C-alpha atoms as a PDB file:
ATOM      1  CA  MET A   1       9.923  25.896  -0.073  1.00  0.00           C
ATOM      2  CA  SER A   2       9.612  22.568  -1.850  1.00  0.00           C
ATOM      3  CA  SER A   3      10.955  19.466  -0.160  1.00  0.00           C
ATOM      4  CA  LEU A   4      12.987  18.719  -3.307  1.00  0.00           C
ATOM      5  CA  PHE A   5      14.902  21.968  -2.913  1.00  0.00           C
ATOM      6  CA  LEU A   6      15.446  21.255   0.770  1.00  0.00           C
ATOM      7  CA  PHE A   7      16.715  17.781  -0.125  1.00  0.00           C
ATOM      8  CA  LEU A   8      19.135  19.221  -2.655  1.00  0.00           C
ATOM      9  CA  ASN A   9      20.124  21.914  -0.137  1.00  0.00           C
ATOM     10  CA  LEU A  10      19.231  24.730  -2.556  1.00  0.00           C
ATOM     11  CA  GLY A  11      18.543  28.202  -1.247  1.00  0.00           C
ATOM     12  CA  THR A  12      16.396  30.957  -2.708  1.00  0.00           C
ATOM     13  CA  GLN A  13      19.239  32.467  -4.746  1.00  0.00           C
ATOM     14  CA  GLU A  14      20.151  29.138  -6.322  1.00  0.00           C
ATOM     15  CA  THR A  15      16.507  28.426  -7.151  1.00  0.00           C
ATOM     16  CA  ILE A  16      16.089  31.820  -8.831  1.00  0.00           C
ATOM     17  CA  LEU A  17      19.291  31.251 -10.818  1.00  0.00           C
ATOM     18  CA  ILE A  18      18.066  27.831 -12.010  1.00  0.00           C
ATOM     19  CA  VAL A  19      14.665  29.237 -13.062  1.00  0.00           C
ATOM     20  CA  PHE A  20      16.396  32.094 -14.899  1.00  0.00           C
ATOM     21  CA  ALA A  21      18.703  29.655 -16.722  1.00  0.00           C
ATOM     22  CA  ILE A  22      15.721  27.520 -17.760  1.00  0.00           C
ATOM     23  CA  LEU A  23      13.909  30.605 -19.078  1.00  0.00           C
ATOM     24  CA  ILE A  24      16.952  31.582 -21.142  1.00  0.00           C
ATOM     25  CA  MET A  25      17.466  28.057 -22.522  1.00  0.00           C
ATOM     26  CA  PHE A  26      13.863  27.230 -23.436  1.00  0.00           C
ATOM     27  CA  GLY A  27      12.110  30.592 -23.682  1.00  0.00           C
ATOM     28  CA  GLY A  28       8.823  31.695 -22.183  1.00  0.00           C
ATOM     29  CA  LYS A  29       6.666  30.006 -24.845  1.00  0.00           C
ATOM     30  CA  LYS A  30       8.128  26.525 -24.380  1.00  0.00           C
ATOM     31  CA  LEU A  31       8.098  26.604 -20.577  1.00  0.00           C
ATOM     32  CA  PRO A  32       4.367  25.791 -20.064  1.00  0.00           C
ATOM     33  CA  GLU A  33       4.643  22.923 -22.535  1.00  0.00           C
ATOM     34  CA  LEU A  34       7.671  21.525 -20.695  1.00  0.00           C
ATOM     35  CA  ALA A  35       5.895  21.872 -17.345  1.00  0.00           C
ATOM     36  CA  ARG A  36       2.836  20.000 -18.673  1.00  0.00           C
ATOM     37  CA  GLY A  37       5.021  17.212 -20.010  1.00  0.00           C
ATOM     38  CA  LEU A  38       6.909  16.978 -16.733  1.00  0.00           C
ATOM     39  CA  GLY A  39       3.658  16.907 -14.739  1.00  0.00           C
ATOM     40  CA  LYS A  40       2.221  14.192 -16.980  1.00  0.00           C
ATOM     41  CA  GLY A  41       5.367  12.098 -16.602  1.00  0.00           C
ATOM     42  CA  ILE A  42       5.331  12.440 -12.817  1.00  0.00           C
ATOM     43  CA  ARG A  43       1.629  11.502 -12.703  1.00  0.00           C
ATOM     44  CA  GLU A  44       2.203   8.384 -14.854  1.00  0.00           C
ATOM     45  CA  PHE A  45       5.133   7.351 -12.678  1.00  0.00           C
ATOM     46  CA  LYS A  46       3.060   7.782  -9.516  1.00  0.00           C
ATOM     47  CA  ASP A  47       0.161   5.765 -10.980  1.00  0.00           C
ATOM     48  CA  ALA A  48       2.514   2.953 -11.992  1.00  0.00           C
ATOM     49  CA  SER A  49       4.140   3.005  -8.561  1.00  0.00           C
ATOM     50  CA  ASP A  50       0.744   2.804  -6.843  1.00  0.00           C
ATOM     51  CA  GLY A  51      -0.216  -0.111  -9.105  1.00  0.00           C
ATOM     52  CA  VAL A  52       2.937  -2.026  -8.183  1.00  0.00           C
ATOM     53  CA  LYS A  53       2.371  -1.360  -4.472  1.00  0.00           C
ATOM     54  CA  GLN A  54      -1.225  -2.611  -4.731  1.00  0.00           C
ATOM     55  CA  GLU A  55      -0.124  -5.764  -6.585  1.00  0.00           C
ATOM     56  CA  ILE A  56       2.487  -6.531  -3.920  1.00  0.00           C
ATOM     57  CA  HIS A  57      -0.080  -5.947  -1.169  1.00  0.00           C
ATOM     58  CA  ASP A  58      -2.590  -8.257  -2.898  1.00  0.00           C
ATOM     59  CA  GLN A  59       0.026 -10.999  -3.310  1.00  0.00           C
ATOM     60  CA  MET A  60       1.032 -10.748   0.351  1.00  0.00           C
ATOM     61  CA  ASP A  61      -2.615 -11.015   1.427  1.00  0.00           C
ATOM     62  CA  GLU A  62      -3.095 -14.058  -0.810  1.00  0.00           C
ATOM     63  CA  ILE A  63      -0.012 -15.789   0.610  1.00  0.00           C
ATOM     64  CA  HIS A  64      -1.082 -14.957   4.163  1.00  0.00           C
ATOM     65  CA  ASN A  65      -4.579 -16.336   3.585  1.00  0.00           C
ATOM     66  CA  LYS A  66      -3.231 -19.561   2.044  1.00  0.00           C
ATOM     67  CA  SER A  67      -0.835 -20.171   4.924  1.00  0.00           C
ATOM     68  CA  LEU A  68      -3.547 -20.012   7.571  1.00  0.00           C
ATOM     69  CA  PRO A  69      -5.182 -23.384   8.269  1.00  0.00           C
ATOM     70  CA  ALA A  70      -8.897 -23.664   7.726  1.00  0.00           C
ATOM     71  CA  PRO A  71     -10.857 -23.219  10.919  1.00  0.00           C
ATOM     72  CA  ALA A  72     -11.741 -26.497  12.614  1.00  0.00           C
ATOM     73  CA  LYS A  73     -15.340 -27.513  12.339  1.00  0.00           C
ATOM     74  CA  ILE A  74     -16.939 -27.397  15.754  1.00  0.00           C
ATOM     75  CA  GLU A  75     -19.600 -29.994  16.287  1.00  0.00           C
ATOM     76  CA  ALA A  76     -22.269 -29.767  18.930  1.00  0.00           C
ATOM     77  CA  PRO A  77     -21.737 -32.236  21.772  1.00  0.00           C
ATOM     78  CA  VAL A  78     -23.880 -35.341  21.621  1.00  0.00           C
ATOM     79  CA  GLN A  79     -26.277 -35.451  24.520  1.00  0.00           C
ATOM     80  CA  SER A  80     -27.109 -38.811  25.994  1.00  0.00           C
ATOM     81  CA  GLU A  81     -29.465 -39.763  28.719  1.00  0.00           C
ATOM     82  CA  PRO A  82     -27.934 -39.948  32.165  1.00  0.00           C
ATOM     83  CA  VAL A  83     -26.866 -43.360  33.354  1.00  0.00           C
ATOM     84  CA  VAL A  84     -28.904 -44.522  36.324  1.00  0.00           C
ATOM     85  CA  LYS A  85     -27.415 -47.200  38.521  1.00  0.00           C
ATOM     86  CA  GLN A  86     -29.835 -49.814  39.639  1.00  0.00           C
ATOM     87  CA  LYS A  87     -29.605 -51.075  43.131  1.00  0.00           C
ATOM     88  CA  THR A  88     -29.469 -54.796  43.506  1.00  0.00           C
ATOM     89  CA  ASP A  89     -29.897 -56.490  46.808  1.00  0.00           C
ATOM     90  CA  HIS A  90     -27.105 -58.918  47.534  1.00  0.00           C
ATOM     91  CA  LEU A  91     -27.614 -61.081  50.510  1.00  0.00           C
END
């Protein structure tokens, strides 16, 4: 059974009654048209929701990247010639 029906705590009998009432109110010819319209609306809502989520995610990434300091430039150590001590004779 659909998670929506479980959320609304509807059983099989209630679901059948609702479907029967919809058939009586709208008729068999209008029902496919209503279902298509409902499906299209749900799809548009989902696409818009995904777009908003992606925009928020992009903004958070941008803020995170701006807050990190730039990596320090590592320079190679300067090599010098070893210092040699000269011996001097002191008398």
